[in-house]
Amino acid sequence: MASRRRHLHRRKSWSSGNRSIAIRVGSRRSPRHFHEVQVSSPRDAARFARLVEDQVRAFPKDPLIISINGYQPWLEDILGSCLRDYWTDISEVDREVQFAGSMQFPQRASTKARFVPWTFIIDQMNVPQVFYWSVGLEPPNSDDFGLPDISNFRFRMGVWQLGRGACLLDRDVSVSIIFTQDHPVCEHVLTELLFGYLYKDHDLIQPREDDEGICWLFLKLYWLLSDWQNIITQTVARLDEAEKNSHGRELPVKTRARMMHNEVDRIYEMKEYLSFHTRSFQKLQKLKPNVPENEQGDPLWGDIDDTVDDLQHIDTTIDGLKERFNNLLDLEFNIQNAVQADNSQFLSTVATLFLPVSFLASLFGMTTVKWPAIWYLYVALPVLVISAAFTAGFSFGVKQIQRLLYPAHFRRVPLYPRSFTMLGDELPGSADLPGKSVTRGRRKSLRPAGMDEGSRARSRLRMEKDDF
């Protein structure tokens, strides 16, 4: 038994044992829009082939959509029973989806075959609670600072788009294989959302070139699983929470600073995934010239362009939220410095108040001084009163002196209606247009109705000087 444990410990990290794998084939006949087969060895290849044959015979025009939720080296024997031979590359994509941490842009998987497949590996991004709530599961617990781990924001999946010619049973049927991780959320998304979402779309059976097919599938999966607006909504909610904590001082300053540092770090992590999504759609945009001209008017390309614009706007919004977190973090340190300065000022005030009394105490405590002790009380009380008055009136006196020396710092800038553009106008009243004497007329309309002749004369003289 001990030797077996040592053997399991030395097994490669990407091995998943002999566990069975669920393979689901999309179908319009099923209420759940798919049929499922559990495979545990190459001997189950015939069952999978019969399932694909039934689907192709019943709906020969429908694309073949297959989902796989795990990895086994013998999967190539299962899929090879009815699909073309790309098993080395397909197995690598499946293994990377299950165990690797890298992503892969939409790209051609081979340039040698006649029917060129496409592939990509992507982390769909959404609020973790949305992934769980959408399928009726309880979301995971957050850490001590209430921020979920970045892995909970991701829904990793890989796609192998073989296109037409891949299905050995019908060369006109396109094939798409979707790989997901062996995770409860992935299982629920596949069984409750994915196939129904794809098969309810009327564009599913629209004939497309292989380049256009990968664009359509990438966009549909992105719309289903990724929603950056949800992430922005969550970030804004956490920003509001941080502002309330900062204004109310409900948590220690170290805790508030650490929480905002975590938020900023999370935003930097999010921007990496956002950049990958943007770059992926930009790569797909470049495929449009490869599509026949009569198909370039497909709304698909307009949706991709709109998605790129939305992602760029979201990137700007996330940058703004990051700056607000940084500003709030700077405010925390500034407030802390101000509190320390206030404490220092209080201690200085106390020292100023009692310094004369302390000096008198040291003076009367000298052994060479033979004054009566009662004299200390007669001198200390007036000095204490003078010190208190000086301490209380010093700040007020400094403000009054500053008000006299720098009066402009304590006066508001007056606002005049002629400096602003009124409703229905194109220019403010103070604008002088070349060749038109509209300024004086507008200024007259701004005079108060109760001006006497002297005031009007002085106002007229000032306007003439201004016009001159």
Protein backbone atom coordinates (compact mmCIF):
# COMPACT_ATOMS: atom_id res chain seq x y z
CA MET A 1 0.00 0.00 0.00
CA ALA A 2 2.88 2.33 0.82
CA SER A 3 4.51 1.70 -2.55
CA ARG A 4 1.26 2.56 -4.31
CA ARG A 5 1.06 5.86 -2.46
CA ARG A 6 4.59 6.72 -3.53
CA HIS A 7 3.66 5.94 -7.12
CA LEU A 8 0.64 8.23 -6.98
CA HIS A 9 2.78 10.98 -5.51
CA ARG A 10 5.18 10.80 -8.47
CA ARG A 11 2.40 10.91 -11.06
CA LYS A 12 2.50 13.86 -13.47
CA SER A 13 0.52 16.88 -12.33
CA TRP A 14 -1.67 16.91 -15.43
CA SER A 15 -2.87 13.32 -15.08
CA SER A 16 -6.50 12.95 -14.02
CA GLY A 17 -6.56 9.23 -13.19
CA ASN A 18 -9.11 6.84 -14.62
CA ARG A 19 -12.16 8.96 -13.84
CA SER A 20 -15.00 8.87 -16.37
CA ILE A 21 -15.64 11.95 -18.51
CA ALA A 22 -18.98 13.35 -19.60
CA ILE A 23 -19.22 14.08 -23.34
CA ARG A 24 -22.29 16.01 -24.42
CA VAL A 25 -23.47 16.34 -28.01
CA GLY A 26 -25.86 19.15 -28.86
CA SER A 27 -29.26 18.19 -30.19
CA ARG A 28 -32.59 19.88 -30.90
CA ARG A 29 -34.49 16.71 -30.02
CA SER A 30 -33.67 16.86 -26.32
CA PRO A 31 -35.46 19.32 -23.98
CA ARG A 32 -32.02 20.16 -22.56
CA HIS A 33 -30.62 20.57 -26.10
CA PHE A 34 -27.96 17.88 -25.69
CA HIS A 35 -27.44 14.15 -25.25
CA GLU A 36 -24.82 12.85 -22.83
CA VAL A 37 -22.55 9.83 -22.75
CA GLN A 38 -20.16 8.87 -19.95
CA VAL A 39 -16.86 7.45 -21.23
CA SER A 40 -14.22 5.78 -19.08
CA SER A 41 -12.05 3.96 -21.63
CA PRO A 42 -11.49 3.66 -25.40
CA ARG A 43 -14.07 0.87 -25.42
CA ASP A 44 -16.78 3.54 -25.20
CA ALA A 45 -15.90 4.95 -28.64
CA ALA A 46 -18.75 3.08 -30.31
CA ARG A 47 -21.34 4.62 -27.97
CA PHE A 48 -20.05 8.10 -28.74
CA ALA A 49 -20.05 7.41 -32.48
CA ARG A 50 -23.68 6.22 -32.38
CA LEU A 51 -24.69 9.38 -30.52
CA VAL A 52 -23.04 11.60 -33.14
CA GLU A 53 -24.51 9.55 -35.99
CA ASP A 54 -28.04 9.92 -34.60
CA GLN A 55 -27.61 13.68 -34.29
CA VAL A 56 -26.21 14.11 -37.80
CA ARG A 57 -28.93 11.93 -39.32
CA ALA A 58 -31.73 13.77 -37.49
CA PHE A 59 -30.45 17.33 -38.19
CA PRO A 60 -28.00 17.23 -41.10
CA LYS A 61 -27.83 21.04 -41.37
CA ASP A 62 -27.06 21.70 -37.72
CA PRO A 63 -23.47 22.30 -36.65
CA LEU A 64 -22.13 19.62 -34.36
CA ILE A 65 -21.35 21.05 -30.90
CA ILE A 66 -19.53 18.75 -28.47
CA SER A 67 -18.51 19.56 -24.89
CA ILE A 68 -15.89 17.71 -22.84
CA ASN A 69 -15.39 18.39 -19.13
CA GLY A 70 -12.10 16.62 -18.44
CA TYR A 71 -8.90 15.20 -19.84
CA GLN A 72 -7.72 11.66 -20.55
CA PRO A 73 -5.00 10.55 -22.99
CA TRP A 74 -7.38 8.04 -24.55
CA LEU A 75 -9.91 10.71 -25.57
CA GLU A 76 -8.35 10.71 -29.03
CA ASP A 77 -9.57 7.15 -29.49
CA ILE A 78 -13.09 8.22 -28.51
CA LEU A 79 -13.24 11.27 -30.78
CA GLY A 80 -11.40 9.52 -33.61
CA SER A 81 -14.34 7.22 -34.15
CA CYS A 82 -16.22 9.93 -36.07
CA LEU A 83 -13.93 13.00 -36.39
CA ARG A 84 -10.84 13.76 -38.43
CA ASP A 85 -7.38 13.10 -37.03
CA TYR A 86 -6.02 16.20 -35.25
CA TRP A 87 -5.58 14.39 -31.97
CA THR A 88 -2.12 15.60 -30.99
CA ASP A 89 -3.17 19.24 -31.09
CA ILE A 90 -6.64 18.61 -29.67
CA SER A 91 -5.23 16.68 -26.72
CA GLU A 92 -2.82 19.54 -26.01
CA VAL A 93 -5.63 22.11 -25.98
CA ASP A 94 -7.69 19.95 -23.61
CA ARG A 95 -4.74 19.45 -21.26
CA GLU A 96 -3.94 23.18 -21.15
CA VAL A 97 -7.55 24.03 -20.36
CA GLN A 98 -7.55 21.60 -17.43
CA PHE A 99 -4.14 22.24 -15.90
CA ALA A 100 -2.27 25.17 -17.47
CA GLY A 101 -2.58 28.86 -16.64
CA SER A 102 -1.94 30.41 -20.06
CA MET A 103 -4.48 31.71 -22.56
CA GLN A 104 -4.42 31.50 -26.33
CA PHE A 105 -5.70 33.96 -28.91
CA PRO A 106 -8.03 32.73 -31.67
CA GLN A 107 -5.68 31.36 -34.30
CA ARG A 108 -5.33 28.72 -36.96
CA ALA A 109 -4.27 25.47 -35.38
CA SER A 110 -2.70 24.10 -38.57
CA THR A 111 -1.63 25.32 -41.99
CA LYS A 112 -1.02 21.95 -43.61
CA ALA A 113 -4.43 20.35 -43.70
CA ARG A 114 -7.03 21.08 -46.36
CA PHE A 115 -9.65 21.91 -43.74
CA VAL A 116 -7.86 24.30 -41.41
CA PRO A 117 -9.17 24.21 -37.83
CA TRP A 118 -9.21 27.17 -35.43
CA THR A 119 -8.62 27.10 -31.70
CA PHE A 120 -8.45 29.36 -28.66
CA ILE A 121 -8.24 29.17 -24.86
CA ILE A 122 -9.81 32.00 -22.92
CA ASP A 123 -10.75 32.94 -19.38
CA GLN A 124 -14.25 34.35 -19.47
CA MET A 125 -14.59 37.03 -16.78
CA ASN A 126 -17.58 37.82 -14.60
CA VAL A 127 -18.45 38.47 -10.96
CA PRO A 128 -18.02 35.15 -9.09
CA GLN A 129 -21.46 35.42 -7.52
CA VAL A 130 -23.03 35.72 -10.99
CA PHE A 131 -21.47 32.42 -12.08
CA TYR A 132 -23.00 30.69 -9.07
CA TRP A 133 -26.31 32.55 -8.87
CA SER A 134 -27.04 31.91 -12.56
CA VAL A 135 -27.06 28.16 -12.00
CA GLY A 136 -28.63 28.12 -8.54
CA LEU A 137 -25.46 27.56 -6.48
CA GLU A 138 -24.16 29.33 -3.40
CA PRO A 139 -21.11 31.51 -4.14
CA PRO A 140 -17.80 30.77 -2.37
CA ASN A 141 -16.77 32.58 0.77
CA SER A 142 -14.56 35.62 0.42
CA ASP A 143 -11.30 36.22 2.24
CA ASP A 144 -10.86 38.36 5.35
CA PHE A 145 -11.06 41.56 3.30
CA GLY A 146 -14.18 40.50 1.39
CA LEU A 147 -12.48 40.20 -2.00
CA PRO A 148 -12.77 36.85 -3.84
CA ASP A 149 -9.71 35.23 -5.31
CA ILE A 150 -9.02 36.11 -8.94
CA SER A 151 -9.52 32.45 -9.94
CA ASN A 152 -13.20 32.78 -8.97
CA PHE A 153 -13.68 35.53 -11.55
CA ARG A 154 -12.56 33.21 -14.37
CA PHE A 155 -14.44 30.63 -16.37
CA ARG A 156 -11.73 28.83 -18.33
CA MET A 157 -12.66 27.17 -21.57
CA GLY A 158 -11.02 26.09 -24.80
CA VAL A 159 -12.54 25.67 -28.24
CA TRP A 160 -11.44 23.58 -31.19
CA GLN A 161 -13.32 24.76 -34.28
CA LEU A 162 -12.81 22.11 -36.96
CA GLY A 163 -15.27 23.56 -39.44
CA ARG A 164 -16.67 21.66 -42.42
CA GLY A 165 -15.03 18.43 -43.48
CA ALA A 166 -14.16 17.32 -39.95
CA CYS A 167 -17.11 15.01 -39.41
CA LEU A 168 -16.49 11.63 -41.03
CA LEU A 169 -20.23 10.92 -41.14
CA ASP A 170 -21.13 14.09 -43.09
CA ARG A 171 -18.52 16.36 -44.66
CA ASP A 172 -20.94 19.29 -44.79
CA VAL A 173 -21.41 19.42 -41.01
CA SER A 174 -19.12 21.77 -39.11
CA VAL A 175 -17.75 20.59 -35.76
CA SER A 176 -16.96 22.61 -32.62
CA ILE A 177 -15.47 21.01 -29.51
CA ILE A 178 -15.73 22.97 -26.25
CA PHE A 179 -13.44 22.00 -23.37
CA THR A 180 -14.19 23.07 -19.80
CA GLN A 181 -12.66 22.33 -16.43
CA ASP A 182 -14.03 19.69 -14.11
CA HIS A 183 -15.76 22.11 -11.76
CA PRO A 184 -19.32 22.22 -10.37
CA VAL A 185 -20.00 25.63 -11.90
CA CYS A 186 -18.76 24.44 -15.30
CA GLU A 187 -21.00 21.39 -15.06
CA HIS A 188 -24.05 23.48 -14.28
CA VAL A 189 -23.31 26.01 -17.01
CA LEU A 190 -22.97 23.24 -19.59
CA THR A 191 -26.09 21.39 -18.56
CA GLU A 192 -28.36 24.37 -17.88
CA LEU A 193 -27.18 27.30 -20.01
CA LEU A 194 -24.71 26.64 -22.80
CA PHE A 195 -26.50 24.33 -25.24
CA GLY A 196 -29.87 26.00 -24.81
CA TYR A 197 -28.25 29.40 -25.37
CA LEU A 198 -26.60 28.29 -28.62
CA TYR A 199 -29.42 26.22 -30.07
CA LYS A 200 -32.05 28.89 -29.44
CA ASP A 201 -30.07 31.29 -31.62
CA HIS A 202 -31.47 31.32 -35.17
CA ASP A 203 -28.02 32.18 -36.55
CA LEU A 204 -26.70 28.79 -35.48
CA ILE A 205 -27.72 27.04 -38.71
CA GLN A 206 -26.72 29.93 -40.97
CA PRO A 207 -24.02 28.66 -43.36
CA ARG A 208 -20.68 30.33 -42.65
CA GLU A 209 -17.09 30.02 -43.70
CA ASP A 210 -14.69 28.59 -41.14
CA ASP A 211 -13.21 32.03 -40.40
CA GLU A 212 -16.66 33.44 -39.81
CA GLY A 213 -17.68 30.43 -37.71
CA ILE A 214 -14.92 30.94 -35.15
CA CYS A 215 -15.91 34.62 -34.86
CA TRP A 216 -19.56 33.71 -34.23
CA LEU A 217 -18.74 31.08 -31.61
CA PHE A 218 -16.21 33.28 -29.82
CA LEU A 219 -18.71 36.16 -29.65
CA LYS A 220 -21.59 33.98 -28.43
CA LEU A 221 -19.53 32.40 -25.67
CA TYR A 222 -18.25 35.83 -24.65
CA TRP A 223 -21.79 37.23 -24.41
CA LEU A 224 -22.92 34.24 -22.37
CA LEU A 225 -20.10 34.05 -19.82
CA SER A 226 -18.27 37.40 -19.72
CA ASP A 227 -19.78 40.65 -18.51
CA TRP A 228 -17.34 43.42 -17.68
CA GLN A 229 -20.20 45.72 -16.75
CA ASN A 230 -20.96 43.39 -13.83
CA ILE A 231 -17.34 43.67 -12.71
CA ILE A 232 -17.50 47.46 -12.93
CA THR A 233 -20.73 47.45 -10.90
CA GLN A 234 -19.06 45.36 -8.21
CA THR A 235 -15.97 47.60 -8.21
CA VAL A 236 -18.11 50.73 -7.88
CA ALA A 237 -19.98 49.14 -4.96
CA ARG A 238 -16.70 48.34 -3.23
CA LEU A 239 -15.46 51.88 -3.93
CA ASP A 240 -18.58 53.28 -2.26
CA GLU A 241 -17.97 50.96 0.68
CA ALA A 242 -14.36 52.16 0.94
CA GLU A 243 -15.48 55.81 0.86
CA LYS A 244 -18.00 55.21 3.64
CA ASN A 245 -15.37 53.46 5.74
CA SER A 246 -12.96 56.31 5.09
CA HIS A 247 -15.43 59.05 5.98
CA GLY A 248 -16.90 57.24 8.97
CA ARG A 249 -13.52 55.96 10.23
CA GLU A 250 -15.26 52.69 11.02
CA LEU A 251 -12.17 50.53 10.56
CA PRO A 252 -8.54 51.07 11.58
CA VAL A 253 -6.53 53.02 9.06
CA LYS A 254 -4.22 50.06 8.41
CA THR A 255 -7.19 47.84 7.56
CA ARG A 256 -8.70 50.46 5.25
CA ALA A 257 -5.37 50.99 3.49
CA ARG A 258 -4.82 47.25 3.06
CA MET A 259 -8.31 46.79 1.60
CA MET A 260 -7.78 49.57 -0.95
CA HIS A 261 -4.36 48.20 -1.86
CA ASN A 262 -6.03 44.85 -2.57
CA GLU A 263 -8.65 46.58 -4.71
CA VAL A 264 -5.98 48.36 -6.77
CA ASP A 265 -4.05 45.10 -7.20
CA ARG A 266 -7.24 43.37 -8.33
CA ILE A 267 -7.88 46.13 -10.90
CA TYR A 268 -4.39 45.62 -12.34
CA GLU A 269 -5.10 41.89 -12.62
CA MET A 270 -8.45 42.56 -14.27
CA LYS A 271 -6.87 44.84 -16.86
CA GLU A 272 -4.67 41.97 -18.04
CA TYR A 273 -7.75 39.86 -18.83
CA LEU A 274 -9.54 42.87 -20.31
CA SER A 275 -6.56 43.51 -22.58
CA PHE A 276 -6.63 39.87 -23.70
CA HIS A 277 -10.34 40.09 -24.57
CA THR A 278 -9.80 43.32 -26.50
CA ARG A 279 -6.85 41.90 -28.39
CA SER A 280 -8.80 38.73 -29.23
CA PHE A 281 -11.67 40.67 -30.78
CA GLN A 282 -9.24 42.87 -32.67
CA LYS A 283 -7.69 39.74 -34.16
CA LEU A 284 -11.13 38.51 -35.17
CA GLN A 285 -11.84 41.86 -36.84
CA LYS A 286 -8.95 41.18 -39.21
CA LEU A 287 -10.73 38.07 -40.52
CA LYS A 288 -13.46 40.09 -42.21
CA PRO A 289 -11.51 40.59 -45.49
CA ASN A 290 -11.14 36.80 -45.75
CA VAL A 291 -14.93 36.40 -45.92
CA PRO A 292 -16.69 36.69 -49.33
CA GLU A 293 -18.00 40.17 -50.02
CA ASN A 294 -21.62 39.05 -50.07
CA GLU A 295 -21.23 37.86 -46.44
CA GLN A 296 -19.39 40.88 -45.06
CA GLY A 297 -22.72 42.57 -44.37
CA ASP A 298 -23.52 39.96 -41.72
CA PRO A 299 -24.52 41.69 -38.42
CA LEU A 300 -21.85 39.54 -36.79
CA TRP A 301 -19.11 41.93 -37.89
CA GLY A 302 -20.98 44.94 -36.58
CA ASP A 303 -21.41 43.17 -33.23
CA ILE A 304 -17.67 42.52 -33.07
CA ASP A 305 -16.92 46.18 -33.82
CA ASP A 306 -19.35 47.29 -31.12
CA THR A 307 -17.79 44.88 -28.65
CA VAL A 308 -14.33 46.29 -29.30
CA ASP A 309 -15.64 49.82 -28.70
CA ASP A 310 -17.34 48.69 -25.50
CA LEU A 311 -14.16 47.03 -24.23
CA GLN A 312 -12.15 50.17 -24.87
CA HIS A 313 -14.74 52.23 -22.98
CA ILE A 314 -14.67 49.72 -20.12
CA ASP A 315 -10.88 49.98 -20.04
CA THR A 316 -11.18 53.76 -19.60
CA THR A 317 -13.79 53.30 -16.87
CA ILE A 318 -11.60 50.83 -14.97
CA ASP A 319 -8.70 53.29 -15.18
CA GLY A 320 -10.96 55.94 -13.65
CA LEU A 321 -11.94 53.61 -10.81
CA LYS A 322 -8.30 52.79 -10.19
CA GLU A 323 -7.48 56.50 -9.91
CA ARG A 324 -10.36 57.00 -7.47
CA PHE A 325 -9.05 54.19 -5.28
CA ASN A 326 -5.56 55.69 -5.41
CA ASN A 327 -6.93 59.14 -4.54
CA LEU A 328 -8.87 57.67 -1.64
CA LEU A 329 -5.73 55.88 -0.51
CA ASP A 330 -3.78 59.16 -0.65
CA LEU A 331 -6.58 60.81 1.31
CA GLU A 332 -6.23 58.17 4.04
CA PHE A 333 -2.54 58.98 4.44
CA ASN A 334 -3.19 62.72 4.28
CA ILE A 335 -5.88 62.45 6.95
CA GLN A 336 -3.56 60.38 9.09
CA ASN A 337 -0.84 63.00 8.74
CA ALA A 338 -3.36 65.73 9.55
CA VAL A 339 -4.47 63.85 12.68
CA GLN A 340 -0.87 63.52 13.79
CA ALA A 341 -0.35 67.23 13.13
CA ASP A 342 -3.44 68.06 15.20
CA ASN A 343 -2.18 65.90 18.04
CA SER A 344 1.19 67.63 17.86
CA GLN A 345 -0.56 71.00 17.89
CA PHE A 346 -2.55 70.00 20.97
CA LEU A 347 0.61 68.94 22.77
CA SER A 348 2.26 72.21 21.77
CA THR A 349 -0.74 74.12 23.10
CA VAL A 350 -0.57 72.28 26.41
CA ALA A 351 3.16 72.96 26.61
CA THR A 352 2.62 76.65 25.86
CA LEU A 353 -0.05 76.85 28.52
CA PHE A 354 1.99 75.32 31.31
CA LEU A 355 5.50 76.38 30.31
CA PRO A 356 5.44 79.71 32.26
CA VAL A 357 4.05 77.97 35.34
CA SER A 358 6.74 75.30 35.07
CA PHE A 359 9.38 78.01 34.77
CA LEU A 360 8.08 79.69 37.92
CA ALA A 361 8.05 76.38 39.75
CA SER A 362 11.69 75.78 38.83
CA LEU A 363 12.56 79.35 39.83
CA PHE A 364 10.94 79.03 43.26
CA GLY A 365 12.48 75.62 43.70
CA MET A 366 16.03 76.98 43.59
CA THR A 367 17.76 76.62 46.95
CA THR A 368 19.28 80.08 46.73
CA VAL A 369 15.88 81.75 46.51
CA LYS A 370 14.37 82.48 49.92
CA TRP A 371 10.99 83.82 48.79
CA PRO A 372 7.89 82.79 50.71
CA ALA A 373 5.99 79.91 49.15
CA ILE A 374 2.76 81.91 49.02
CA TRP A 375 4.40 84.26 46.52
CA TYR A 376 4.44 81.41 43.98
CA LEU A 377 0.64 81.25 44.16
CA TYR A 378 0.34 85.03 43.76
CA VAL A 379 2.56 84.96 40.66
CA ALA A 380 1.51 81.63 39.12
CA LEU A 381 -2.24 82.32 38.98
CA PRO A 382 -1.98 85.56 36.94
CA VAL A 383 0.66 84.00 34.70
CA LEU A 384 -1.58 80.97 34.13
CA VAL A 385 -4.51 83.22 33.22
CA ILE A 386 -2.34 85.22 30.81
CA SER A 387 -1.00 81.99 29.25
CA ALA A 388 -4.54 80.64 28.79
CA ALA A 389 -5.68 83.89 27.18
CA PHE A 390 -2.64 83.93 24.93
CA THR A 391 -3.11 80.31 23.93
CA ALA A 392 -6.83 80.77 23.20
CA GLY A 393 -6.40 84.00 21.27
CA PHE A 394 -3.24 83.20 19.34
CA SER A 395 -4.90 81.23 16.51
CA PHE A 396 -7.72 83.76 16.22
CA GLY A 397 -5.25 86.63 16.09
CA VAL A 398 -3.17 84.95 13.39
CA LYS A 399 -6.29 84.45 11.26
CA GLN A 400 -7.28 88.11 11.66
CA ILE A 401 -3.80 89.29 10.69
CA GLN A 402 -3.84 87.01 7.64
CA ARG A 403 -7.29 88.33 6.73
CA LEU A 404 -5.91 91.90 6.81
CA LEU A 405 -2.68 91.13 4.96
CA TYR A 406 -4.15 88.75 2.38
CA PRO A 407 -7.82 89.70 1.95
CA ALA A 408 -8.12 88.09 -1.48
CA HIS A 409 -7.68 84.64 0.10
CA PHE A 410 -10.86 85.09 2.12
CA ARG A 411 -13.14 86.54 -0.55
CA ARG A 412 -15.22 84.68 -3.06
CA VAL A 413 -14.90 85.55 -6.72
CA PRO A 414 -18.11 87.35 -7.74
CA LEU A 415 -20.13 85.79 -10.57
CA TYR A 416 -21.95 87.96 -13.13
CA PRO A 417 -24.68 86.79 -15.52
CA ARG A 418 -22.95 88.37 -18.52
CA SER A 419 -20.01 85.99 -18.04
CA PHE A 420 -22.15 82.94 -18.75
CA THR A 421 -24.16 81.69 -21.71
CA MET A 422 -27.88 81.88 -21.02
CA LEU A 423 -30.34 79.22 -22.14
CA GLY A 424 -31.06 79.57 -25.84
CA ASP A 425 -27.93 81.68 -26.51
CA GLU A 426 -24.71 80.60 -28.16
CA LEU A 427 -22.29 83.06 -26.51
CA PRO A 428 -22.01 84.71 -23.08
CA GLY A 429 -23.19 88.32 -22.74
CA SER A 430 -19.64 89.64 -22.37
CA ALA A 431 -18.61 88.34 -25.83
CA ASP A 432 -17.94 91.15 -28.35
CA LEU A 433 -18.63 90.02 -31.90
CA PRO A 434 -16.64 91.79 -34.67
CA GLY A 435 -18.87 94.11 -36.71
CA LYS A 436 -21.88 93.77 -34.43
CA SER A 437 -22.85 96.05 -31.57
CA VAL A 438 -24.70 93.46 -29.57
CA THR A 439 -22.64 93.80 -26.42
CA ARG A 440 -24.09 97.10 -25.31
CA GLY A 441 -27.66 95.97 -25.84
CA ARG A 442 -27.08 92.83 -23.79
CA ARG A 443 -25.40 94.81 -21.05
CA LYS A 444 -28.35 97.23 -20.88
CA SER A 445 -30.67 94.33 -20.32
CA LEU A 446 -28.68 93.36 -17.24
CA ARG A 447 -29.08 96.74 -15.47
CA PRO A 448 -31.34 96.79 -12.43
CA ALA A 449 -34.63 98.56 -13.00
CA GLY A 450 -34.26 100.88 -10.00
CA MET A 451 -31.04 102.70 -10.99
CA ASP A 452 -31.09 106.48 -10.56
CA GLU A 453 -29.70 108.95 -13.10
CA GLY A 454 -26.33 109.22 -11.36
CA SER A 455 -25.88 105.48 -11.29
CA ARG A 456 -26.91 105.23 -14.93
CA ALA A 457 -24.45 107.95 -15.92
CA ARG A 458 -21.62 106.24 -14.08
CA SER A 459 -22.60 102.91 -15.63
CA ARG A 460 -22.76 104.48 -19.10
CA LEU A 461 -19.30 106.00 -18.58
CA ARG A 462 -17.86 102.63 -17.55
CA MET A 463 -19.37 100.93 -20.63
CA GLU A 464 -17.91 103.62 -22.90
CA LYS A 465 -14.51 103.07 -21.36
CA ASP A 466 -14.88 99.33 -21.84
CA ASP A 467 -15.91 99.76 -25.49
CA PHE A 468 -13.00 102.10 -26.04
